[in-house]
Amino acid sequence: MADASTLEPSSDDARRTSGLAICSLIFGIVWLAGVGSLIAVVTGHLARARIREQPVALQGKGLAMAGLVLGYAGLVLVVLSVLSYLSRAGRI
């Protein structure tokens, strides 16, 4: 059984922030007409999975979650915008 000292990173072996989590947050903020939102959602889920697999080495679960929330919100806005446009054009 592993002792507590092997589970906690030392000052020499500090955890690093997941690059995918940072990417998710950035694309969630700058959603680029829906494409960025999709990238934010995909990278957010990938980041959370990798952080779950390597909790001692990686951090950034909050960044990934923020990217996911912003990404899904951006996708909802895109869908609502398209539906609004189509209803004004008389296509729905």
PDB file of N, CA and C in Angstrom:
ATOM      1  N   MET A   1       0.840  -1.178   0.000  1.00  0.00           N
ATOM      2  CA  MET A   1       0.000   0.000   0.000  1.00  0.00           C
ATOM      3  C   MET A   1       0.884   1.240   0.000  1.00  0.00           C
ATOM      4  N   ALA A   2       0.545   2.226  -0.805  1.00  0.00           N
ATOM      5  CA  ALA A   2       1.357   3.442  -0.927  1.00  0.00           C
ATOM      6  C   ALA A   2       1.122   4.345   0.272  1.00  0.00           C
ATOM      7  N   ASP A   3       2.193   4.963   0.736  1.00  0.00           N
ATOM      8  CA  ASP A   3       2.026   5.902   1.832  1.00  0.00           C
ATOM      9  C   ASP A   3       1.650   7.275   1.269  1.00  0.00           C
ATOM     10  N   ALA A   4       1.234   8.178   2.136  1.00  0.00           N
ATOM     11  CA  ALA A   4       0.724   9.488   1.718  1.00  0.00           C
ATOM     12  C   ALA A   4       1.781  10.326   1.010  1.00  0.00           C
ATOM     13  N   SER A   5       3.053  10.117   1.336  1.00  0.00           N
ATOM     14  CA  SER A   5       4.102  10.942   0.725  1.00  0.00           C
ATOM     15  C   SER A   5       4.265  10.653  -0.764  1.00  0.00           C
ATOM     16  N   THR A   6       3.913   9.451  -1.211  1.00  0.00           N
ATOM     17  CA  THR A   6       4.040   9.148  -2.639  1.00  0.00           C
ATOM     18  C   THR A   6       2.856   9.675  -3.441  1.00  0.00           C
ATOM     19  N   LEU A   7       1.756   9.996  -2.783  1.00  0.00           N
ATOM     20  CA  LEU A   7       0.574  10.491  -3.481  1.00  0.00           C
ATOM     21  C   LEU A   7       0.562  12.000  -3.633  1.00  0.00           C
ATOM     22  N   GLU A   8       1.304  12.687  -2.812  1.00  0.00           N
ATOM     23  CA  GLU A   8       1.335  14.139  -2.862  1.00  0.00           C
ATOM     24  C   GLU A   8       2.595  14.593  -3.594  1.00  0.00           C
ATOM     25  N   PRO A   9       2.445  15.576  -4.521  1.00  0.00           N
ATOM     26  CA  PRO A   9       3.632  16.047  -5.228  1.00  0.00           C
ATOM     27  C   PRO A   9       4.541  16.838  -4.292  1.00  0.00           C
ATOM     28  N   SER A  10       5.827  16.677  -4.454  1.00  0.00           N
ATOM     29  CA  SER A  10       6.769  17.456  -3.662  1.00  0.00           C
ATOM     30  C   SER A  10       7.002  18.799  -4.343  1.00  0.00           C
ATOM     31  N   SER A  11       7.763  19.656  -3.709  1.00  0.00           N
ATOM     32  CA  SER A  11       8.043  20.958  -4.303  1.00  0.00           C
ATOM     33  C   SER A  11       8.867  20.809  -5.581  1.00  0.00           C
ATOM     34  N   ASP A  12       9.673  19.739  -5.670  1.00  0.00           N
ATOM     35  CA  ASP A  12      10.461  19.489  -6.874  1.00  0.00           C
ATOM     36  C   ASP A  12       9.596  18.943  -8.008  1.00  0.00           C
ATOM     37  N   ASP A  13       8.526  18.248  -7.645  1.00  0.00           N
ATOM     38  CA  ASP A  13       7.685  17.568  -8.620  1.00  0.00           C
ATOM     39  C   ASP A  13       6.272  18.162  -8.577  1.00  0.00           C
ATOM     40  N   ALA A  14       6.152  19.444  -8.853  1.00  0.00           N
ATOM     41  CA  ALA A  14       4.875  20.140  -8.750  1.00  0.00           C
ATOM     42  C   ALA A  14       3.945  19.721  -9.876  1.00  0.00           C
ATOM     43  N   ARG A  15       2.645  19.760  -9.588  1.00  0.00           N
ATOM     44  CA  ARG A  15       1.642  19.453 -10.607  1.00  0.00           C
ATOM     45  C   ARG A  15       1.635  20.560 -11.645  1.00  0.00           C
ATOM     46  N   ARG A  16       1.358  20.180 -12.871  1.00  0.00           N
ATOM     47  CA  ARG A  16       1.277  21.185 -13.928  1.00  0.00           C
ATOM     48  C   ARG A  16      -0.166  21.290 -14.389  1.00  0.00           C
ATOM     49  N   THR A  17      -0.522  22.466 -14.866  1.00  0.00           N
ATOM     50  CA  THR A  17      -1.871  22.704 -15.346  1.00  0.00           C
ATOM     51  C   THR A  17      -2.039  22.088 -16.723  1.00  0.00           C
ATOM     52  N   SER A  18      -3.133  21.420 -16.925  1.00  0.00           N
ATOM     53  CA  SER A  18      -3.424  20.754 -18.191  1.00  0.00           C
ATOM     54  C   SER A  18      -3.556  21.782 -19.319  1.00  0.00           C
ATOM     55  N   GLY A  19      -2.826  21.567 -20.388  1.00  0.00           N
ATOM     56  CA  GLY A  19      -2.918  22.446 -21.548  1.00  0.00           C
ATOM     57  C   GLY A  19      -4.291  22.375 -22.203  1.00  0.00           C
ATOM     58  N   LEU A  20      -4.906  21.197 -22.156  1.00  0.00           N
ATOM     59  CA  LEU A  20      -6.256  21.055 -22.710  1.00  0.00           C
ATOM     60  C   LEU A  20      -7.271  21.862 -21.910  1.00  0.00           C
ATOM     61  N   ALA A  21      -7.081  21.934 -20.596  1.00  0.00           N
ATOM     62  CA  ALA A  21      -7.986  22.729 -19.764  1.00  0.00           C
ATOM     63  C   ALA A  21      -7.863  24.208 -20.108  1.00  0.00           C
ATOM     64  N   ILE A  22      -6.636  24.664 -20.305  1.00  0.00           N
ATOM     65  CA  ILE A  22      -6.419  26.067 -20.688  1.00  0.00           C
ATOM     66  C   ILE A  22      -7.030  26.332 -22.059  1.00  0.00           C
ATOM     67  N   CYS A  23      -6.825  25.420 -22.994  1.00  0.00           N
ATOM     68  CA  CYS A  23      -7.391  25.544 -24.339  1.00  0.00           C
ATOM     69  C   CYS A  23      -8.913  25.609 -24.280  1.00  0.00           C
ATOM     70  N   SER A  24      -9.519  24.771 -23.471  1.00  0.00           N
ATOM     71  CA  SER A  24     -10.966  24.751 -23.327  1.00  0.00           C
ATOM     72  C   SER A  24     -11.484  26.093 -22.826  1.00  0.00           C
ATOM     73  N   LEU A  25     -10.827  26.636 -21.824  1.00  0.00           N
ATOM     74  CA  LEU A  25     -11.258  27.924 -21.278  1.00  0.00           C
ATOM     75  C   LEU A  25     -11.104  29.042 -22.311  1.00  0.00           C
ATOM     76  N   ILE A  26     -10.005  29.077 -23.011  1.00  0.00           N
ATOM     77  CA  ILE A  26      -9.770  30.129 -24.008  1.00  0.00           C
ATOM     78  C   ILE A  26     -10.814  30.055 -25.118  1.00  0.00           C
ATOM     79  N   PHE A  27     -11.048  28.857 -25.655  1.00  0.00           N
ATOM     80  CA  PHE A  27     -12.030  28.732 -26.728  1.00  0.00           C
ATOM     81  C   PHE A  27     -13.453  28.934 -26.220  1.00  0.00           C
ATOM     82  N   GLY A  28     -13.698  28.678 -24.947  1.00  0.00           N
ATOM     83  CA  GLY A  28     -15.010  28.973 -24.374  1.00  0.00           C
ATOM     84  C   GLY A  28     -15.268  30.463 -24.296  1.00  0.00           C
ATOM     85  N   ILE A  29     -14.221  31.222 -24.008  1.00  0.00           N
ATOM     86  CA  ILE A  29     -14.356  32.678 -23.934  1.00  0.00           C
ATOM     87  C   ILE A  29     -14.453  33.282 -25.327  1.00  0.00           C
ATOM     88  N   VAL A  30     -13.580  32.866 -26.226  1.00  0.00           N
ATOM     89  CA  VAL A  30     -13.550  33.367 -27.599  1.00  0.00           C
ATOM     90  C   VAL A  30     -14.218  32.299 -28.464  1.00  0.00           C
ATOM     91  N   TRP A  31     -15.512  32.318 -28.556  1.00  0.00           N
ATOM     92  CA  TRP A  31     -16.242  31.184 -29.120  1.00  0.00           C
ATOM     93  C   TRP A  31     -16.271  31.133 -30.633  1.00  0.00           C
ATOM     94  N   LEU A  32     -15.820  32.111 -31.358  1.00  0.00           N
ATOM     95  CA  LEU A  32     -15.625  32.073 -32.814  1.00  0.00           C
ATOM     96  C   LEU A  32     -16.819  31.506 -33.583  1.00  0.00           C
ATOM     97  N   ALA A  33     -17.981  32.092 -33.385  1.00  0.00           N
ATOM     98  CA  ALA A  33     -19.210  31.724 -34.093  1.00  0.00           C
ATOM     99  C   ALA A  33     -19.552  30.240 -33.968  1.00  0.00           C
ATOM    100  N   GLY A  34     -19.383  29.690 -32.801  1.00  0.00           N
ATOM    101  CA  GLY A  34     -19.774  28.311 -32.551  1.00  0.00           C
ATOM    102  C   GLY A  34     -18.648  27.304 -32.676  1.00  0.00           C
ATOM    103  N   VAL A  35     -17.699  27.546 -33.561  1.00  0.00           N
ATOM    104  CA  VAL A  35     -16.594  26.602 -33.740  1.00  0.00           C
ATOM    105  C   VAL A  35     -15.756  26.547 -32.466  1.00  0.00           C
ATOM    106  N   GLY A  36     -15.491  27.689 -31.888  1.00  0.00           N
ATOM    107  CA  GLY A  36     -14.732  27.737 -30.640  1.00  0.00           C
ATOM    108  C   GLY A  36     -15.455  27.037 -29.505  1.00  0.00           C
ATOM    109  N   SER A  37     -16.784  27.152 -29.494  1.00  0.00           N
ATOM    110  CA  SER A  37     -17.564  26.473 -28.462  1.00  0.00           C
ATOM    111  C   SER A  37     -17.436  24.964 -28.590  1.00  0.00           C
ATOM    112  N   LEU A  38     -17.479  24.475 -29.802  1.00  0.00           N
ATOM    113  CA  LEU A  38     -17.325  23.045 -30.027  1.00  0.00           C
ATOM    114  C   LEU A  38     -15.937  22.573 -29.586  1.00  0.00           C
ATOM    115  N   ILE A  39     -14.911  23.348 -29.919  1.00  0.00           N
ATOM    116  CA  ILE A  39     -13.548  23.020 -29.494  1.00  0.00           C
ATOM    117  C   ILE A  39     -13.447  23.052 -27.970  1.00  0.00           C
ATOM    118  N   ALA A  40     -14.093  24.041 -27.339  1.00  0.00           N
ATOM    119  CA  ALA A  40     -14.080  24.150 -25.880  1.00  0.00           C
ATOM    120  C   ALA A  40     -14.704  22.931 -25.227  1.00  0.00           C
ATOM    121  N   VAL A  41     -15.806  22.448 -25.783  1.00  0.00           N
ATOM    122  CA  VAL A  41     -16.480  21.281 -25.219  1.00  0.00           C
ATOM    123  C   VAL A  41     -15.612  20.028 -25.370  1.00  0.00           C
ATOM    124  N   VAL A  42     -15.062  19.827 -26.549  1.00  0.00           N
ATOM    125  CA  VAL A  42     -14.245  18.633 -26.791  1.00  0.00           C
ATOM    126  C   VAL A  42     -12.990  18.648 -25.912  1.00  0.00           C
ATOM    127  N   THR A  43     -12.270  19.755 -25.911  1.00  0.00           N
ATOM    128  CA  THR A  43     -11.036  19.812 -25.118  1.00  0.00           C
ATOM    129  C   THR A  43     -11.330  19.799 -23.616  1.00  0.00           C
ATOM    130  N   GLY A  44     -12.465  20.352 -23.222  1.00  0.00           N
ATOM    131  CA  GLY A  44     -12.846  20.311 -21.809  1.00  0.00           C
ATOM    132  C   GLY A  44     -13.074  18.898 -21.326  1.00  0.00           C
ATOM    133  N   HIS A  45     -13.777  18.100 -22.125  1.00  0.00           N
ATOM    134  CA  HIS A  45     -14.000  16.703 -21.742  1.00  0.00           C
ATOM    135  C   HIS A  45     -12.690  15.911 -21.758  1.00  0.00           C
ATOM    136  N   LEU A  46     -11.859  16.157 -22.755  1.00  0.00           N
ATOM    137  CA  LEU A  46     -10.557  15.471 -22.800  1.00  0.00           C
ATOM    138  C   LEU A  46      -9.696  15.849 -21.590  1.00  0.00           C
ATOM    139  N   ALA A  47      -9.687  17.129 -21.245  1.00  0.00           N
ATOM    140  CA  ALA A  47      -8.885  17.585 -20.104  1.00  0.00           C
ATOM    141  C   ALA A  47      -9.367  16.946 -18.810  1.00  0.00           C
ATOM    142  N   ARG A  48     -10.680  16.921 -18.593  1.00  0.00           N
ATOM    143  CA  ARG A  48     -11.205  16.321 -17.360  1.00  0.00           C
ATOM    144  C   ARG A  48     -10.856  14.837 -17.278  1.00  0.00           C
ATOM    145  N   ALA A  49     -10.908  14.146 -18.412  1.00  0.00           N
ATOM    146  CA  ALA A  49     -10.560  12.713 -18.411  1.00  0.00           C
ATOM    147  C   ALA A  49      -9.088  12.517 -18.070  1.00  0.00           C
ATOM    148  N   ARG A  50      -8.221  13.324 -18.656  1.00  0.00           N
ATOM    149  CA  ARG A  50      -6.777  13.175 -18.387  1.00  0.00           C
ATOM    150  C   ARG A  50      -6.436  13.567 -16.957  1.00  0.00           C
ATOM    151  N   ILE A  51      -7.108  14.593 -16.430  1.00  0.00           N
ATOM    152  CA  ILE A  51      -6.866  14.999 -15.044  1.00  0.00           C
ATOM    153  C   ILE A  51      -7.329  13.893 -14.098  1.00  0.00           C
ATOM    154  N   ARG A  52      -8.452  13.251 -14.415  1.00  0.00           N
ATOM    155  CA  ARG A  52      -8.927  12.122 -13.608  1.00  0.00           C
ATOM    156  C   ARG A  52      -7.953  10.957 -13.652  1.00  0.00           C
ATOM    157  N   GLU A  53      -7.321  10.725 -14.809  1.00  0.00           N
ATOM    158  CA  GLU A  53      -6.359   9.623 -14.948  1.00  0.00           C
ATOM    159  C   GLU A  53      -5.051   9.916 -14.225  1.00  0.00           C
ATOM    160  N   GLN A  54      -4.640  11.186 -14.176  1.00  0.00           N
ATOM    161  CA  GLN A  54      -3.351  11.570 -13.588  1.00  0.00           C
ATOM    162  C   GLN A  54      -3.530  12.689 -12.554  1.00  0.00           C
ATOM    163  N   PRO A  55      -4.248  12.436 -11.458  1.00  0.00           N
ATOM    164  CA  PRO A  55      -4.525  13.511 -10.499  1.00  0.00           C
ATOM    165  C   PRO A  55      -3.285  14.043  -9.783  1.00  0.00           C
ATOM    166  N   VAL A  56      -2.234  13.234  -9.706  1.00  0.00           N
ATOM    167  CA  VAL A  56      -1.021  13.688  -9.033  1.00  0.00           C
ATOM    168  C   VAL A  56      -0.205  14.599  -9.944  1.00  0.00           C
ATOM    169  N   ALA A  57      -0.251  14.355 -11.241  1.00  0.00           N
ATOM    170  CA  ALA A  57       0.580  15.104 -12.185  1.00  0.00           C
ATOM    171  C   ALA A  57      -0.120  16.332 -12.769  1.00  0.00           C
ATOM    172  N   LEU A  58      -1.453  16.274 -12.910  1.00  0.00           N
ATOM    173  CA  LEU A  58      -2.165  17.352 -13.598  1.00  0.00           C
ATOM    174  C   LEU A  58      -3.169  18.035 -12.690  1.00  0.00           C
ATOM    175  N   GLN A  59      -3.345  19.309 -12.938  1.00  0.00           N
ATOM    176  CA  GLN A  59      -4.396  20.083 -12.274  1.00  0.00           C
ATOM    177  C   GLN A  59      -5.122  20.894 -13.346  1.00  0.00           C
ATOM    178  N   GLY A  60      -6.188  21.578 -12.966  1.00  0.00           N
ATOM    179  CA  GLY A  60      -6.926  22.406 -13.920  1.00  0.00           C
ATOM    180  C   GLY A  60      -8.353  21.950 -14.129  1.00  0.00           C
ATOM    181  N   LYS A  61      -8.884  21.168 -13.176  1.00  0.00           N
ATOM    182  CA  LYS A  61     -10.254  20.673 -13.305  1.00  0.00           C
ATOM    183  C   LYS A  61     -11.251  21.830 -13.378  1.00  0.00           C
ATOM    184  N   GLY A  62     -11.002  22.890 -12.619  1.00  0.00           N
ATOM    185  CA  GLY A  62     -11.887  24.055 -12.637  1.00  0.00           C
ATOM    186  C   GLY A  62     -11.834  24.801 -13.969  1.00  0.00           C
ATOM    187  N   LEU A  63     -10.632  24.905 -14.538  1.00  0.00           N
ATOM    188  CA  LEU A  63     -10.496  25.548 -15.845  1.00  0.00           C
ATOM    189  C   LEU A  63     -11.248  24.759 -16.909  1.00  0.00           C
ATOM    190  N   ALA A  64     -11.113  23.447 -16.862  1.00  0.00           N
ATOM    191  CA  ALA A  64     -11.808  22.597 -17.830  1.00  0.00           C
ATOM    192  C   ALA A  64     -13.322  22.729 -17.674  1.00  0.00           C
ATOM    193  N   MET A  65     -13.796  22.758 -16.430  1.00  0.00           N
ATOM    194  CA  MET A  65     -15.238  22.887 -16.192  1.00  0.00           C
ATOM    195  C   MET A  65     -15.745  24.239 -16.671  1.00  0.00           C
ATOM    196  N   ALA A  66     -14.977  25.292 -16.437  1.00  0.00           N
ATOM    197  CA  ALA A  66     -15.380  26.619 -16.921  1.00  0.00           C
ATOM    198  C   ALA A  66     -15.435  26.640 -18.444  1.00  0.00           C
ATOM    199  N   GLY A  67     -14.465  26.012 -19.091  1.00  0.00           N
ATOM    200  CA  GLY A  67     -14.474  25.919 -20.547  1.00  0.00           C
ATOM    201  C   GLY A  67     -15.681  25.144 -21.048  1.00  0.00           C
ATOM    202  N   LEU A  68     -16.035  24.061 -20.347  1.00  0.00           N
ATOM    203  CA  LEU A  68     -17.213  23.282 -20.719  1.00  0.00           C
ATOM    204  C   LEU A  68     -18.493  24.101 -20.594  1.00  0.00           C
ATOM    205  N   VAL A  69     -18.636  24.804 -19.496  1.00  0.00           N
ATOM    206  CA  VAL A  69     -19.836  25.619 -19.280  1.00  0.00           C
ATOM    207  C   VAL A  69     -19.949  26.691 -20.357  1.00  0.00           C
ATOM    208  N   LEU A  70     -18.856  27.398 -20.615  1.00  0.00           N
ATOM    209  CA  LEU A  70     -18.874  28.436 -21.646  1.00  0.00           C
ATOM    210  C   LEU A  70     -19.088  27.840 -23.035  1.00  0.00           C
ATOM    211  N   GLY A  71     -18.492  26.687 -23.289  1.00  0.00           N
ATOM    212  CA  GLY A  71     -18.659  26.036 -24.581  1.00  0.00           C
ATOM    213  C   GLY A  71     -20.090  25.605 -24.826  1.00  0.00           C
ATOM    214  N   TYR A  72     -20.701  24.961 -23.838  1.00  0.00           N
ATOM    215  CA  TYR A  72     -22.094  24.549 -23.994  1.00  0.00           C
ATOM    216  C   TYR A  72     -23.017  25.765 -24.098  1.00  0.00           C
ATOM    217  N   ALA A  73     -22.732  26.817 -23.335  1.00  0.00           N
ATOM    218  CA  ALA A  73     -23.540  28.039 -23.439  1.00  0.00           C
ATOM    219  C   ALA A  73     -23.421  28.642 -24.836  1.00  0.00           C
ATOM    220  N   GLY A  74     -22.222  28.637 -25.395  1.00  0.00           N
ATOM    221  CA  GLY A  74     -22.028  29.145 -26.748  1.00  0.00           C
ATOM    222  C   GLY A  74     -22.771  28.322 -27.778  1.00  0.00           C
ATOM    223  N   LEU A  75     -22.774  26.999 -27.613  1.00  0.00           N
ATOM    224  CA  LEU A  75     -23.510  26.131 -28.540  1.00  0.00           C
ATOM    225  C   LEU A  75     -25.012  26.378 -28.460  1.00  0.00           C
ATOM    226  N   VAL A  76     -25.515  26.582 -27.248  1.00  0.00           N
ATOM    227  CA  VAL A  76     -26.942  26.892 -27.085  1.00  0.00           C
ATOM    228  C   VAL A  76     -27.273  28.216 -27.779  1.00  0.00           C
ATOM    229  N   LEU A  77     -26.402  29.204 -27.626  1.00  0.00           N
ATOM    230  CA  LEU A  77     -26.638  30.494 -28.288  1.00  0.00           C
ATOM    231  C   LEU A  77     -26.627  30.357 -29.806  1.00  0.00           C
ATOM    232  N   VAL A  78     -25.747  29.538 -30.336  1.00  0.00           N
ATOM    233  CA  VAL A  78     -25.701  29.321 -31.783  1.00  0.00           C
ATOM    234  C   VAL A  78     -26.994  28.669 -32.260  1.00  0.00           C
ATOM    235  N   VAL A  79     -27.447  27.646 -31.551  1.00  0.00           N
ATOM    236  CA  VAL A  79     -28.682  26.963 -31.937  1.00  0.00           C
ATOM    237  C   VAL A  79     -29.867  27.923 -31.861  1.00  0.00           C
ATOM    238  N   LEU A  80     -29.948  28.702 -30.790  1.00  0.00           N
ATOM    239  CA  LEU A  80     -31.045  29.672 -30.659  1.00  0.00           C
ATOM    240  C   LEU A  80     -30.982  30.733 -31.745  1.00  0.00           C
ATOM    241  N   SER A  81     -29.792  31.158 -32.101  1.00  0.00           N
ATOM    242  CA  SER A  81     -29.640  32.151 -33.166  1.00  0.00           C
ATOM    243  C   SER A  81     -30.098  31.601 -34.515  1.00  0.00           C
ATOM    244  N   VAL A  82     -29.721  30.375 -34.801  1.00  0.00           N
ATOM    245  CA  VAL A  82     -30.130  29.751 -36.065  1.00  0.00           C
ATOM    246  C   VAL A  82     -31.647  29.573 -36.097  1.00  0.00           C
ATOM    247  N   LEU A  83     -32.222  29.110 -34.999  1.00  0.00           N
ATOM    248  CA  LEU A  83     -33.673  28.945 -34.946  1.00  0.00           C
ATOM    249  C   LEU A  83     -34.392  30.275 -35.085  1.00  0.00           C
ATOM    250  N   SER A  84     -33.866  31.305 -34.467  1.00  0.00           N
ATOM    251  CA  SER A  84     -34.453  32.636 -34.584  1.00  0.00           C
ATOM    252  C   SER A  84     -34.394  33.142 -36.019  1.00  0.00           C
ATOM    253  N   TYR A  85     -33.260  32.953 -36.661  1.00  0.00           N
ATOM    254  CA  TYR A  85     -33.099  33.373 -38.051  1.00  0.00           C
ATOM    255  C   TYR A  85     -34.072  32.621 -38.963  1.00  0.00           C
ATOM    256  N   LEU A  86     -34.162  31.316 -38.759  1.00  0.00           N
ATOM    257  CA  LEU A  86     -35.039  30.523 -39.595  1.00  0.00           C
ATOM    258  C   LEU A  86     -36.515  30.871 -39.379  1.00  0.00           C
ATOM    259  N   SER A  87     -36.893  31.187 -38.157  1.00  0.00           N
ATOM    260  CA  SER A  87     -38.288  31.542 -37.901  1.00  0.00           C
ATOM    261  C   SER A  87     -38.614  32.914 -38.503  1.00  0.00           C
ATOM    262  N   ARG A  88     -37.675  33.833 -38.491  1.00  0.00           N
ATOM    263  CA  ARG A  88     -37.900  35.149 -39.118  1.00  0.00           C
ATOM    264  C   ARG A  88     -37.968  35.032 -40.629  1.00  0.00           C
ATOM    265  N   ALA A  89     -37.223  34.100 -41.186  1.00  0.00           N
ATOM    266  CA  ALA A  89     -37.229  33.914 -42.616  1.00  0.00           C
ATOM    267  C   ALA A  89     -38.437  33.095 -43.069  1.00  0.00           C
ATOM    268  N   GLY A  90     -39.238  32.622 -42.130  1.00  0.00           N
ATOM    269  CA  GLY A  90     -40.434  31.863 -42.463  1.00  0.00           C
ATOM    270  C   GLY A  90     -40.152  30.431 -42.861  1.00  0.00           C
ATOM    271  N   ARG A  91     -39.038  29.908 -42.465  1.00  0.00           N
ATOM    272  CA  ARG A  91     -38.668  28.539 -42.829  1.00  0.00           C
ATOM    273  C   ARG A  91     -39.021  27.532 -41.758  1.00  0.00           C
ATOM    274  N   ILE A  92     -39.486  28.014 -40.619  1.00  0.00           N
ATOM    275  CA  ILE A  92     -39.903  27.080 -39.562  1.00  0.00           C
ATOM    276  C   ILE A  92     -41.382  27.278 -39.305  1.00  0.00           C
TER     277      ILE A  92
END
